Amino acid sequence: MARKIGSRYTAHQILGRGSAGTVWLGEGPDGPVAVKLLREDLASDQELVGRFVQERSALLGLEHPHIVSVRDLVVDGNDLALVMDLVRGTDLRTRLDRERRLAPEAAVAIASTAT
């Protein structure tokens, strides 16, 4: 179920959903990307759209190995999307649900890379 996002990106598979949108595994001119797509029914909410665009601006101002980089902002009809570097792996919640408890060494490793 591929979906075109603007003229440069294609969204292939849903990676996750939130209250305001969906994150897709996508493909762009430079390879795999993550595409955070605002829900269409929220595209008319100017306050939410403003926060979405502000998120892009905030992320563009940050440079750190543990912060995902934003590559593009796509505005195309009702589509509003942030295109970001794709970070492969699982999130902490999924890992905790699976393992129930982390070994102290694993917890320290996670906490030390978060700072």
PDB file of N, CA and C in Angstrom:
ATOM      1  N   MET A   1       0.833  -1.182   0.000  1.00  0.00           N
ATOM      2  CA  MET A   1       0.000   0.000   0.000  1.00  0.00           C
ATOM      3  C   MET A   1       0.882   1.251   0.000  1.00  0.00           C
ATOM      4  N   ALA A   2       1.586   1.481  -1.087  1.00  0.00           N
ATOM      5  CA  ALA A   2       2.462   2.645  -1.215  1.00  0.00           C
ATOM      6  C   ALA A   2       1.626   3.910  -1.380  1.00  0.00           C
ATOM      7  N   ARG A   3       2.165   4.987  -0.868  1.00  0.00           N
ATOM      8  CA  ARG A   3       1.478   6.277  -0.928  1.00  0.00           C
ATOM      9  C   ARG A   3       2.500   7.352  -1.261  1.00  0.00           C
ATOM     10  N   LYS A   4       2.219   8.164  -2.265  1.00  0.00           N
ATOM     11  CA  LYS A   4       3.110   9.260  -2.633  1.00  0.00           C
ATOM     12  C   LYS A   4       2.969  10.382  -1.609  1.00  0.00           C
ATOM     13  N   ILE A   5       4.112  10.934  -1.198  1.00  0.00           N
ATOM     14  CA  ILE A   5       4.155  12.081  -0.292  1.00  0.00           C
ATOM     15  C   ILE A   5       4.920  13.175  -1.032  1.00  0.00           C
ATOM     16  N   GLY A   6       4.193  14.156  -1.521  1.00  0.00           N
ATOM     17  CA  GLY A   6       4.828  15.169  -2.350  1.00  0.00           C
ATOM     18  C   GLY A   6       5.343  14.529  -3.636  1.00  0.00           C
ATOM     19  N   SER A   7       6.345  15.148  -4.235  1.00  0.00           N
ATOM     20  CA  SER A   7       6.875  14.632  -5.499  1.00  0.00           C
ATOM     21  C   SER A   7       8.137  13.804  -5.318  1.00  0.00           C
ATOM     22  N   ARG A   8       8.714  13.802  -4.105  1.00  0.00           N
ATOM     23  CA  ARG A   8      10.020  13.165  -3.913  1.00  0.00           C
ATOM     24  C   ARG A   8      10.004  11.915  -3.032  1.00  0.00           C
ATOM     25  N   TYR A   9       8.890  11.626  -2.374  1.00  0.00           N
ATOM     26  CA  TYR A   9       8.875  10.545  -1.380  1.00  0.00           C
ATOM     27  C   TYR A   9       7.715   9.585  -1.608  1.00  0.00           C
ATOM     28  N   THR A  10       7.942   8.349  -1.194  1.00  0.00           N
ATOM     29  CA  THR A  10       6.897   7.328  -1.208  1.00  0.00           C
ATOM     30  C   THR A  10       6.869   6.672   0.160  1.00  0.00           C
ATOM     31  N   ALA A  11       5.694   6.611   0.763  1.00  0.00           N
ATOM     32  CA  ALA A  11       5.508   5.939   2.053  1.00  0.00           C
ATOM     33  C   ALA A  11       5.059   4.514   1.766  1.00  0.00           C
ATOM     34  N   HIS A  12       5.742   3.536   2.390  1.00  0.00           N
ATOM     35  CA  HIS A  12       5.481   2.132   2.081  1.00  0.00           C
ATOM     36  C   HIS A  12       4.761   1.376   3.188  1.00  0.00           C
ATOM     37  N   GLN A  13       5.126   1.645   4.445  1.00  0.00           N
ATOM     38  CA  GLN A  13       4.632   0.806   5.542  1.00  0.00           C
ATOM     39  C   GLN A  13       4.519   1.646   6.805  1.00  0.00           C
ATOM     40  N   ILE A  14       3.451   1.452   7.549  1.00  0.00           N
ATOM     41  CA  ILE A  14       3.254   2.182   8.797  1.00  0.00           C
ATOM     42  C   ILE A  14       4.178   1.609   9.865  1.00  0.00           C
ATOM     43  N   LEU A  15       4.940   2.504  10.496  1.00  0.00           N
ATOM     44  CA  LEU A  15       5.820   2.117  11.601  1.00  0.00           C
ATOM     45  C   LEU A  15       5.175   2.368  12.956  1.00  0.00           C
ATOM     46  N   GLY A  16       4.314   3.383  13.040  1.00  0.00           N
ATOM     47  CA  GLY A  16       3.670   3.708  14.305  1.00  0.00           C
ATOM     48  C   GLY A  16       2.599   4.758  14.111  1.00  0.00           C
ATOM     49  N   ARG A  17       1.728   4.853  15.112  1.00  0.00           N
ATOM     50  CA  ARG A  17       0.636   5.836  15.083  1.00  0.00           C
ATOM     51  C   ARG A  17       0.623   6.604  16.390  1.00  0.00           C
ATOM     52  N   GLY A  18       0.292   7.870  16.274  1.00  0.00           N
ATOM     53  CA  GLY A  18       0.115   8.709  17.441  1.00  0.00           C
ATOM     54  C   GLY A  18      -1.213   9.419  17.348  1.00  0.00           C
ATOM     55  N   SER A  19      -1.486  10.298  18.293  1.00  0.00           N
ATOM     56  CA  SER A  19      -2.783  10.979  18.304  1.00  0.00           C
ATOM     57  C   SER A  19      -2.944  11.952  17.139  1.00  0.00           C
ATOM     58  N   ALA A  20      -1.828  12.478  16.623  1.00  0.00           N
ATOM     59  CA  ALA A  20      -1.920  13.479  15.570  1.00  0.00           C
ATOM     60  C   ALA A  20      -1.486  12.968  14.206  1.00  0.00           C
ATOM     61  N   GLY A  21      -0.931  11.779  14.148  1.00  0.00           N
ATOM     62  CA  GLY A  21      -0.473  11.328  12.845  1.00  0.00           C
ATOM     63  C   GLY A  21       0.114   9.938  12.859  1.00  0.00           C
ATOM     64  N   THR A  22       0.757   9.627  11.750  1.00  0.00           N
ATOM     65  CA  THR A  22       1.311   8.305  11.512  1.00  0.00           C
ATOM     66  C   THR A  22       2.739   8.453  11.021  1.00  0.00           C
ATOM     67  N   VAL A  23       3.595   7.544  11.472  1.00  0.00           N
ATOM     68  CA  VAL A  23       4.973   7.508  10.979  1.00  0.00           C
ATOM     69  C   VAL A  23       5.088   6.322  10.033  1.00  0.00           C
ATOM     70  N   TRP A  24       5.593   6.617   8.858  1.00  0.00           N
ATOM     71  CA  TRP A  24       5.719   5.621   7.795  1.00  0.00           C
ATOM     72  C   TRP A  24       7.185   5.351   7.490  1.00  0.00           C
ATOM     73  N   LEU A  25       7.478   4.141   7.064  1.00  0.00           N
ATOM     74  CA  LEU A  25       8.751   3.817   6.434  1.00  0.00           C
ATOM     75  C   LEU A  25       8.623   4.300   5.007  1.00  0.00           C
ATOM     76  N   GLY A  26       9.531   5.155   4.601  1.00  0.00           N
ATOM     77  CA  GLY A  26       9.433   5.724   3.271  1.00  0.00           C
ATOM     78  C   GLY A  26      10.725   5.626   2.491  1.00  0.00           C
ATOM     79  N   GLU A  27      10.643   6.077   1.270  1.00  0.00           N
ATOM     80  CA  GLU A  27      11.793   6.085   0.366  1.00  0.00           C
ATOM     81  C   GLU A  27      11.861   7.469  -0.257  1.00  0.00           C
ATOM     82  N   GLY A  28      13.068   8.005  -0.302  1.00  0.00           N
ATOM     83  CA  GLY A  28      13.287   9.304  -0.920  1.00  0.00           C
ATOM     84  C   GLY A  28      14.440   9.229  -1.893  1.00  0.00           C
ATOM     85  N   PRO A  29      14.834  10.354  -2.451  1.00  0.00           N
ATOM     86  CA  PRO A  29      15.916  10.354  -3.431  1.00  0.00           C
ATOM     87  C   PRO A  29      17.242   9.829  -2.876  1.00  0.00           C
ATOM     88  N   ASP A  30      17.441   9.947  -1.576  1.00  0.00           N
ATOM     89  CA  ASP A  30      18.698   9.506  -0.966  1.00  0.00           C
ATOM     90  C   ASP A  30      18.555   8.214  -0.174  1.00  0.00           C
ATOM     91  N   GLY A  31      17.449   7.484  -0.358  1.00  0.00           N
ATOM     92  CA  GLY A  31      17.278   6.208   0.320  1.00  0.00           C
ATOM     93  C   GLY A  31      16.148   6.216   1.330  1.00  0.00           C
ATOM     94  N   PRO A  32      16.198   5.260   2.288  1.00  0.00           N
ATOM     95  CA  PRO A  32      15.107   5.108   3.264  1.00  0.00           C
ATOM     96  C   PRO A  32      14.983   6.320   4.190  1.00  0.00           C
ATOM     97  N   VAL A  33      13.735   6.655   4.531  1.00  0.00           N
ATOM     98  CA  VAL A  33      13.427   7.757   5.446  1.00  0.00           C
ATOM     99  C   VAL A  33      12.243   7.375   6.314  1.00  0.00           C
ATOM    100  N   ALA A  34      12.042   8.137   7.368  1.00  0.00           N
ATOM    101  CA  ALA A  34      10.817   8.056   8.159  1.00  0.00           C
ATOM    102  C   ALA A  34       9.976   9.275   7.783  1.00  0.00           C
ATOM    103  N   VAL A  35       8.703   9.058   7.552  1.00  0.00           N
ATOM    104  CA  VAL A  35       7.798  10.141   7.162  1.00  0.00           C
ATOM    105  C   VAL A  35       6.719  10.257   8.227  1.00  0.00           C
ATOM    106  N   LYS A  36       6.716  11.380   8.935  1.00  0.00           N
ATOM    107  CA  LYS A  36       5.693  11.647   9.948  1.00  0.00           C
ATOM    108  C   LYS A  36       4.601  12.464   9.278  1.00  0.00           C
ATOM    109  N   LEU A  37       3.449  11.840   9.055  1.00  0.00           N
ATOM    110  CA  LEU A  37       2.360  12.438   8.298  1.00  0.00           C
ATOM    111  C   LEU A  37       1.234  12.849   9.237  1.00  0.00           C
ATOM    112  N   LEU A  38       0.899  14.138   9.226  1.00  0.00           N
ATOM    113  CA  LEU A  38      -0.202  14.650  10.036  1.00  0.00           C
ATOM    114  C   LEU A  38      -1.518  14.088   9.503  1.00  0.00           C
ATOM    115  N   ARG A  39      -2.409  13.686  10.402  1.00  0.00           N
ATOM    116  CA  ARG A  39      -3.718  13.177   9.985  1.00  0.00           C
ATOM    117  C   ARG A  39      -4.435  14.225   9.151  1.00  0.00           C
ATOM    118  N   GLU A  40      -5.064  13.783   8.072  1.00  0.00           N
ATOM    119  CA  GLU A  40      -5.748  14.710   7.158  1.00  0.00           C
ATOM    120  C   GLU A  40      -6.842  15.500   7.850  1.00  0.00           C
ATOM    121  N   ASP A  41      -7.561  14.865   8.777  1.00  0.00           N
ATOM    122  CA  ASP A  41      -8.662  15.556   9.446  1.00  0.00           C
ATOM    123  C   ASP A  41      -8.157  16.649  10.392  1.00  0.00           C
ATOM    124  N   LEU A  42      -6.862  16.653  10.667  1.00  0.00           N
ATOM    125  CA  LEU A  42      -6.283  17.694  11.530  1.00  0.00           C
ATOM    126  C   LEU A  42      -5.585  18.795  10.739  1.00  0.00           C
ATOM    127  N   ALA A  43      -5.497  18.631   9.421  1.00  0.00           N
ATOM    128  CA  ALA A  43      -4.779  19.594   8.582  1.00  0.00           C
ATOM    129  C   ALA A  43      -5.418  20.982   8.596  1.00  0.00           C
ATOM    130  N   SER A  44      -6.683  21.079   8.986  1.00  0.00           N
ATOM    131  CA  SER A  44      -7.343  22.386   9.037  1.00  0.00           C
ATOM    132  C   SER A  44      -7.211  23.048  10.408  1.00  0.00           C
ATOM    133  N   ASP A  45      -6.633  22.354  11.376  1.00  0.00           N
ATOM    134  CA  ASP A  45      -6.419  22.901  12.720  1.00  0.00           C
ATOM    135  C   ASP A  45      -5.133  23.727  12.697  1.00  0.00           C
ATOM    136  N   GLN A  46      -5.287  25.039  12.562  1.00  0.00           N
ATOM    137  CA  GLN A  46      -4.136  25.916  12.386  1.00  0.00           C
ATOM    138  C   GLN A  46      -3.159  25.874  13.558  1.00  0.00           C
ATOM    139  N   GLU A  47      -3.673  25.706  14.766  1.00  0.00           N
ATOM    140  CA  GLU A  47      -2.794  25.625  15.936  1.00  0.00           C
ATOM    141  C   GLU A  47      -1.928  24.364  15.870  1.00  0.00           C
ATOM    142  N   LEU A  48      -2.539  23.252  15.522  1.00  0.00           N
ATOM    143  CA  LEU A  48      -1.801  21.994  15.422  1.00  0.00           C
ATOM    144  C   LEU A  48      -0.795  22.034  14.267  1.00  0.00           C
ATOM    145  N   VAL A  49      -1.202  22.592  13.146  1.00  0.00           N
ATOM    146  CA  VAL A  49      -0.290  22.738  12.007  1.00  0.00           C
ATOM    147  C   VAL A  49       0.899  23.613  12.408  1.00  0.00           C
ATOM    148  N   GLY A  50       0.624  24.675  13.144  1.00  0.00           N
ATOM    149  CA  GLY A  50       1.703  25.544  13.628  1.00  0.00           C
ATOM    150  C   GLY A  50       2.680  24.792  14.517  1.00  0.00           C
ATOM    151  N   ARG A  51       2.166  23.936  15.408  1.00  0.00           N
ATOM    152  CA  ARG A  51       3.049  23.143  16.278  1.00  0.00           C
ATOM    153  C   ARG A  51       3.863  22.140  15.464  1.00  0.00           C
ATOM    154  N   PHE A  52       3.254  21.578  14.449  1.00  0.00           N
ATOM    155  CA  PHE A  52       3.934  20.617  13.575  1.00  0.00           C
ATOM    156  C   PHE A  52       5.111  21.295  12.863  1.00  0.00           C
ATOM    157  N   VAL A  53       4.866  22.467  12.320  1.00  0.00           N
ATOM    158  CA  VAL A  53       5.918  23.220  11.635  1.00  0.00           C
ATOM    159  C   VAL A  53       6.969  23.695  12.642  1.00  0.00           C
ATOM    160  N   GLN A  54       6.536  24.063  13.838  1.00  0.00           N
ATOM    161  CA  GLN A  54       7.464  24.478  14.896  1.00  0.00           C
ATOM    162  C   GLN A  54       8.365  23.312  15.317  1.00  0.00           C
ATOM    163  N   GLU A  55       7.820  22.100  15.323  1.00  0.00           N
ATOM    164  CA  GLU A  55       8.631  20.916  15.632  1.00  0.00           C
ATOM    165  C   GLU A  55       9.772  20.793  14.631  1.00  0.00           C
ATOM    166  N   ARG A  56       9.466  21.007  13.370  1.00  0.00           N
ATOM    167  CA  ARG A  56      10.503  20.966  12.334  1.00  0.00           C
ATOM    168  C   ARG A  56      11.568  22.012  12.606  1.00  0.00           C
ATOM    169  N   SER A  57      11.150  23.217  12.896  1.00  0.00           N
ATOM    170  CA  SER A  57      12.109  24.305  13.158  1.00  0.00           C
ATOM    171  C   SER A  57      12.988  23.991  14.358  1.00  0.00           C
ATOM    172  N   ALA A  58      12.382  23.448  15.414  1.00  0.00           N
ATOM    173  CA  ALA A  58      13.149  23.107  16.615  1.00  0.00           C
ATOM    174  C   ALA A  58      14.173  22.023  16.310  1.00  0.00           C
ATOM    175  N   LEU A  59      13.759  20.994  15.572  1.00  0.00           N
ATOM    176  CA  LEU A  59      14.673  19.900  15.261  1.00  0.00           C
ATOM    177  C   LEU A  59      15.791  20.348  14.316  1.00  0.00           C
ATOM    178  N   LEU A  60      15.481  21.268  13.406  1.00  0.00           N
ATOM    179  CA  LEU A  60      16.520  21.771  12.507  1.00  0.00           C
ATOM    180  C   LEU A  60      17.606  22.518  13.267  1.00  0.00           C
ATOM    181  N   GLY A  61      17.241  23.095  14.412  1.00  0.00           N
ATOM    182  CA  GLY A  61      18.201  23.852  15.217  1.00  0.00           C
ATOM    183  C   GLY A  61      19.051  22.986  16.130  1.00  0.00           C
ATOM    184  N   LEU A  62      18.793  21.682  16.147  1.00  0.00           N
ATOM    185  CA  LEU A  62      19.526  20.779  17.031  1.00  0.00           C
ATOM    186  C   LEU A  62      20.421  19.853  16.225  1.00  0.00           C
ATOM    187  N   GLU A  63      21.602  19.625  16.746  1.00  0.00           N
ATOM    188  CA  GLU A  63      22.502  18.672  16.113  1.00  0.00           C
ATOM    189  C   GLU A  63      23.152  17.832  17.195  1.00  0.00           C
ATOM    190  N   HIS A  64      22.773  16.560  17.233  1.00  0.00           N
ATOM    191  CA  HIS A  64      23.289  15.648  18.253  1.00  0.00           C
ATOM    192  C   HIS A  64      23.137  14.232  17.715  1.00  0.00           C
ATOM    193  N   PRO A  65      24.080  13.348  18.005  1.00  0.00           N
ATOM    194  CA  PRO A  65      23.981  11.989  17.471  1.00  0.00           C
ATOM    195  C   PRO A  65      22.751  11.211  17.943  1.00  0.00           C
ATOM    196  N   HIS A  66      22.101  11.642  19.020  1.00  0.00           N
ATOM    197  CA  HIS A  66      20.935  10.934  19.532  1.00  0.00           C
ATOM    198  C   HIS A  66      19.625  11.656  19.245  1.00  0.00           C
ATOM    199  N   ILE A  67      19.664  12.624  18.348  1.00  0.00           N
ATOM    200  CA  ILE A  67      18.453  13.332  17.934  1.00  0.00           C
ATOM    201  C   ILE A  67      18.300  13.126  16.435  1.00  0.00           C
ATOM    202  N   VAL A  68      17.139  12.660  16.027  1.00  0.00           N
ATOM    203  CA  VAL A  68      16.889  12.391  14.614  1.00  0.00           C
ATOM    204  C   VAL A  68      16.941  13.701  13.821  1.00  0.00           C
ATOM    205  N   SER A  69      17.515  13.633  12.628  1.00  0.00           N
ATOM    206  CA  SER A  69      17.619  14.815  11.768  1.00  0.00           C
ATOM    207  C   SER A  69      16.414  14.915  10.846  1.00  0.00           C
ATOM    208  N   VAL A  70      15.921  16.130  10.681  1.00  0.00           N
ATOM    209  CA  VAL A  70      14.821  16.392   9.759  1.00  0.00           C
ATOM    210  C   VAL A  70      15.421  16.720   8.403  1.00  0.00           C
ATOM    211  N   ARG A  71      14.910  16.082   7.379  1.00  0.00           N
ATOM    212  CA  ARG A  71      15.404  16.302   6.017  1.00  0.00           C
ATOM    213  C   ARG A  71      14.535  17.258   5.224  1.00  0.00           C
ATOM    214  N   ASP A  72      13.217  17.229   5.474  1.00  0.00           N
ATOM    215  CA  ASP A  72      12.317  17.972   4.599  1.00  0.00           C
ATOM    216  C   ASP A  72      10.976  18.186   5.288  1.00  0.00           C
ATOM    217  N   LEU A  73      10.276  19.203   4.842  1.00  0.00           N
ATOM    218  CA  LEU A  73       8.883  19.438   5.210  1.00  0.00           C
ATOM    219  C   LEU A  73       8.097  19.396   3.914  1.00  0.00           C
ATOM    220  N   VAL A  74       7.076  18.559   3.859  1.00  0.00           N
ATOM    221  CA  VAL A  74       6.274  18.424   2.646  1.00  0.00           C
ATOM    222  C   VAL A  74       4.885  18.976   2.911  1.00  0.00           C
ATOM    223  N   VAL A  75       4.475  19.922   2.078  1.00  0.00           N
ATOM    224  CA  VAL A  75       3.119  20.456   2.101  1.00  0.00           C
ATOM    225  C   VAL A  75       2.567  20.230   0.699  1.00  0.00           C
ATOM    226  N   ASP A  76       1.573  19.346   0.594  1.00  0.00           N
ATOM    227  CA  ASP A  76       1.038  18.975  -0.711  1.00  0.00           C
ATOM    228  C   ASP A  76      -0.447  18.686  -0.548  1.00  0.00           C
ATOM    229  N   GLY A  77      -1.291  19.617  -0.952  1.00  0.00           N
ATOM    230  CA  GLY A  77      -2.730  19.452  -0.755  1.00  0.00           C
ATOM    231  C   GLY A  77      -3.028  19.386   0.732  1.00  0.00           C
ATOM    232  N   ASN A  78      -3.683  18.313   1.172  1.00  0.00           N
ATOM    233  CA  ASN A  78      -3.971  18.126   2.598  1.00  0.00           C
ATOM    234  C   ASN A  78      -2.849  17.410   3.333  1.00  0.00           C
ATOM    235  N   ASP A  79      -1.814  17.003   2.605  1.00  0.00           N
ATOM    236  CA  ASP A  79      -0.693  16.311   3.240  1.00  0.00           C
ATOM    237  C   ASP A  79       0.291  17.312   3.837  1.00  0.00           C
ATOM    238  N   LEU A  80       0.613  17.081   5.109  1.00  0.00           N
ATOM    239  CA  LEU A  80       1.670  17.822   5.796  1.00  0.00           C
ATOM    240  C   LEU A  80       2.539  16.764   6.451  1.00  0.00           C
ATOM    241  N   ALA A  81       3.813  16.732   6.061  1.00  0.00           N
ATOM    242  CA  ALA A  81       4.678  15.659   6.530  1.00  0.00           C
ATOM    243  C   ALA A  81       6.071  16.170   6.851  1.00  0.00           C
ATOM    244  N   LEU A  82       6.650  15.599   7.907  1.00  0.00           N
ATOM    245  CA  LEU A  82       8.062  15.790   8.223  1.00  0.00           C
ATOM    246  C   LEU A  82       8.795  14.552   7.725  1.00  0.00           C
ATOM    247  N   VAL A  83       9.832  14.771   6.950  1.00  0.00           N
ATOM    248  CA  VAL A  83      10.659  13.669   6.468  1.00  0.00           C
ATOM    249  C   VAL A  83      11.940  13.689   7.292  1.00  0.00           C
ATOM    250  N   MET A  84      12.241  12.550   7.925  1.00  0.00           N
ATOM    251  CA  MET A  84      13.360  12.479   8.860  1.00  0.00           C
ATOM    252  C   MET A  84      14.258  11.299   8.524  1.00  0.00           C
ATOM    253  N   ASP A  85      15.454  11.314   9.092  1.00  0.00           N
ATOM    254  CA  ASP A  85      16.322  10.150   8.987  1.00  0.00           C
ATOM    255  C   ASP A  85      15.594   8.957   9.576  1.00  0.00           C
ATOM    256  N   LEU A  86      15.794   7.811   8.973  1.00  0.00           N
ATOM    257  CA  LEU A  86      15.213   6.585   9.490  1.00  0.00           C
ATOM    258  C   LEU A  86      16.155   6.001  10.536  1.00  0.00           C
ATOM    259  N   VAL A  87      15.628   5.754  11.726  1.00  0.00           N
ATOM    260  CA  VAL A  87      16.392   5.118  12.797  1.00  0.00           C
ATOM    261  C   VAL A  87      15.814   3.721  12.973  1.00  0.00           C
ATOM    262  N   ARG A  88      16.608   2.736  12.661  1.00  0.00           N
ATOM    263  CA  ARG A  88      16.135   1.346  12.758  1.00  0.00           C
ATOM    264  C   ARG A  88      16.277   0.847  14.189  1.00  0.00           C
ATOM    265  N   GLY A  89      15.384  -0.012  14.589  1.00  0.00           N
ATOM    266  CA  GLY A  89      15.436  -0.587  15.928  1.00  0.00           C
ATOM    267  C   GLY A  89      14.096  -0.457  16.608  1.00  0.00           C
ATOM    268  N   THR A  90      14.087  -0.775  17.867  1.00  0.00           N
ATOM    269  CA  THR A  90      12.841  -0.744  18.628  1.00  0.00           C
ATOM    270  C   THR A  90      12.887   0.407  19.627  1.00  0.00           C
ATOM    271  N   ASP A  91      11.739   0.763  20.147  1.00  0.00           N
ATOM    272  CA  ASP A  91      11.710   1.803  21.176  1.00  0.00           C
ATOM    273  C   ASP A  91      11.766   1.138  22.557  1.00  0.00           C
ATOM    274  N   LEU A  92      12.021   1.942  23.562  1.00  0.00           N
ATOM    275  CA  LEU A  92      12.183   1.423  24.919  1.00  0.00           C
ATOM    276  C   LEU A  92      10.918   0.733  25.418  1.00  0.00           C
ATOM    277  N   ARG A  93       9.742   1.282  25.120  1.00  0.00           N
ATOM    278  CA  ARG A  93       8.484   0.684  25.581  1.00  0.00           C
ATOM    279  C   ARG A  93       8.339  -0.730  25.029  1.00  0.00           C
ATOM    280  N   THR A  94       8.606  -0.921  23.750  1.00  0.00           N
ATOM    281  CA  THR A  94       8.492  -2.245  23.141  1.00  0.00           C
ATOM    282  C   THR A  94       9.476  -3.216  23.783  1.00  0.00           C
ATOM    283  N   ARG A  95      10.686  -2.737  24.023  1.00  0.00           N
ATOM    284  CA  ARG A  95      11.689  -3.607  24.650  1.00  0.00           C
ATOM    285  C   ARG A  95      11.268  -3.999  26.064  1.00  0.00           C
ATOM    286  N   LEU A  96      10.749  -3.044  26.824  1.00  0.00           N
ATOM    287  CA  LEU A  96      10.299  -3.354  28.183  1.00  0.00           C
ATOM    288  C   LEU A  96       9.093  -4.288  28.178  1.00  0.00           C
ATOM    289  N   ASP A  97       8.181  -4.106  27.226  1.00  0.00           N
ATOM    290  CA  ASP A  97       7.033  -5.013  27.122  1.00  0.00           C
ATOM    291  C   ASP A  97       7.505  -6.433  26.831  1.00  0.00           C
ATOM    292  N   ARG A  98       8.537  -6.541  26.014  1.00  0.00           N
ATOM    293  CA  ARG A  98       9.043  -7.856  25.634  1.00  0.00           C
ATOM    294  C   ARG A  98       9.855  -8.501  26.751  1.00  0.00           C
ATOM    295  N   GLU A  99      10.758  -7.720  27.365  1.00  0.00           N
ATOM    296  CA  GLU A  99      11.679  -8.286  28.354  1.00  0.00           C
ATOM    297  C   GLU A  99      11.193  -8.141  29.791  1.00  0.00           C
ATOM    298  N   ARG A 100      10.215  -7.268  30.009  1.00  0.00           N
ATOM    299  CA  ARG A 100       9.648  -6.992  31.329  1.00  0.00           C
ATOM    300  C   ARG A 100      10.612  -6.263  32.263  1.00  0.00           C
ATOM    301  N   ARG A 101      11.875  -6.604  32.185  1.00  0.00           N
ATOM    302  CA  ARG A 101      12.854  -6.023  33.088  1.00  0.00           C
ATOM    303  C   ARG A 101      14.212  -6.016  32.392  1.00  0.00           C
ATOM    304  N   LEU A 102      14.943  -4.931  32.549  1.00  0.00           N
ATOM    305  CA  LEU A 102      16.264  -4.842  31.944  1.00  0.00           C
ATOM    306  C   LEU A 102      17.329  -5.186  32.968  1.00  0.00           C
ATOM    307  N   ALA A 103      18.362  -5.866  32.503  1.00  0.00           N
ATOM    308  CA  ALA A 103      19.523  -6.103  33.356  1.00  0.00           C
ATOM    309  C   ALA A 103      20.149  -4.747  33.670  1.00  0.00           C
ATOM    310  N   PRO A 104      20.751  -4.586  34.845  1.00  0.00           N
ATOM    311  CA  PRO A 104      21.358  -3.298  35.203  1.00  0.00           C
ATOM    312  C   PRO A 104      22.319  -2.779  34.129  1.00  0.00           C
ATOM    313  N   GLU A 105      23.104  -3.669  33.530  1.00  0.00           N
ATOM    314  CA  GLU A 105      24.054  -3.243  32.498  1.00  0.00           C
ATOM    315  C   GLU A 105      23.336  -2.644  31.285  1.00  0.00           C
ATOM    316  N   ALA A 106      22.218  -3.252  30.906  1.00  0.00           N
ATOM    317  CA  ALA A 106      21.444  -2.748  29.764  1.00  0.00           C
ATOM    318  C   ALA A 106      20.831  -1.394  30.085  1.00  0.00           C
ATOM    319  N   ALA A 107      20.309  -1.233  31.290  1.00  0.00           N
ATOM    320  CA  ALA A 107      19.715   0.046  31.701  1.00  0.00           C
ATOM    321  C   ALA A 107      20.771   1.146  31.714  1.00  0.00           C
ATOM    322  N   VAL A 108      21.957   0.835  32.220  1.00  0.00           N
ATOM    323  CA  VAL A 108      23.045   1.819  32.260  1.00  0.00           C
ATOM    324  C   VAL A 108      23.456   2.190  30.843  1.00  0.00           C
ATOM    325  N   ALA A 109      23.537   1.206  29.948  1.00  0.00           N
ATOM    326  CA  ALA A 109      23.927   1.476  28.568  1.00  0.00           C
ATOM    327  C   ALA A 109      22.921   2.412  27.888  1.00  0.00           C
ATOM    328  N   ILE A 110      21.634   2.170  28.119  1.00  0.00           N
ATOM    329  CA  ILE A 110      20.595   3.026  27.535  1.00  0.00           C
ATOM    330  C   ILE A 110      20.678   4.428  28.124  1.00  0.00           C
ATOM    331  N   ALA A 111      20.775   4.528  29.437  1.00  0.00           N
ATOM    332  CA  ALA A 111      20.811   5.844  30.092  1.00  0.00           C
ATOM    333  C   ALA A 111      22.067   6.619  29.702  1.00  0.00           C
ATOM    334  N   SER A 112      23.184   5.952  29.535  1.00  0.00           N
ATOM    335  CA  SER A 112      24.415   6.670  29.214  1.00  0.00           C
ATOM    336  C   SER A 112      24.419   7.191  27.783  1.00  0.00           C
ATOM    337  N   THR A 113      23.663   6.573  26.868  1.00  0.00           N
ATOM    338  CA  THR A 113      23.616   7.077  25.496  1.00  0.00           C
ATOM    339  C   THR A 113      22.548   8.165  25.341  1.00  0.00           C
ATOM    340  N   ALA A 114      21.682   8.312  26.328  1.00  0.00           N
ATOM    341  CA  ALA A 114      20.613   9.308  26.256  1.00  0.00           C
ATOM    342  C   ALA A 114      21.079  10.695  26.653  1.00  0.00           C
ATOM    343  N   THR A 115      22.248  10.796  27.220  1.00  0.00           N
ATOM    344  CA  THR A 115      22.701  12.121  27.659  1.00  0.00           C
ATOM    345  C   THR A 115      23.703  12.724  26.723  1.00  0.00           C
TER     346      THR A 115
END
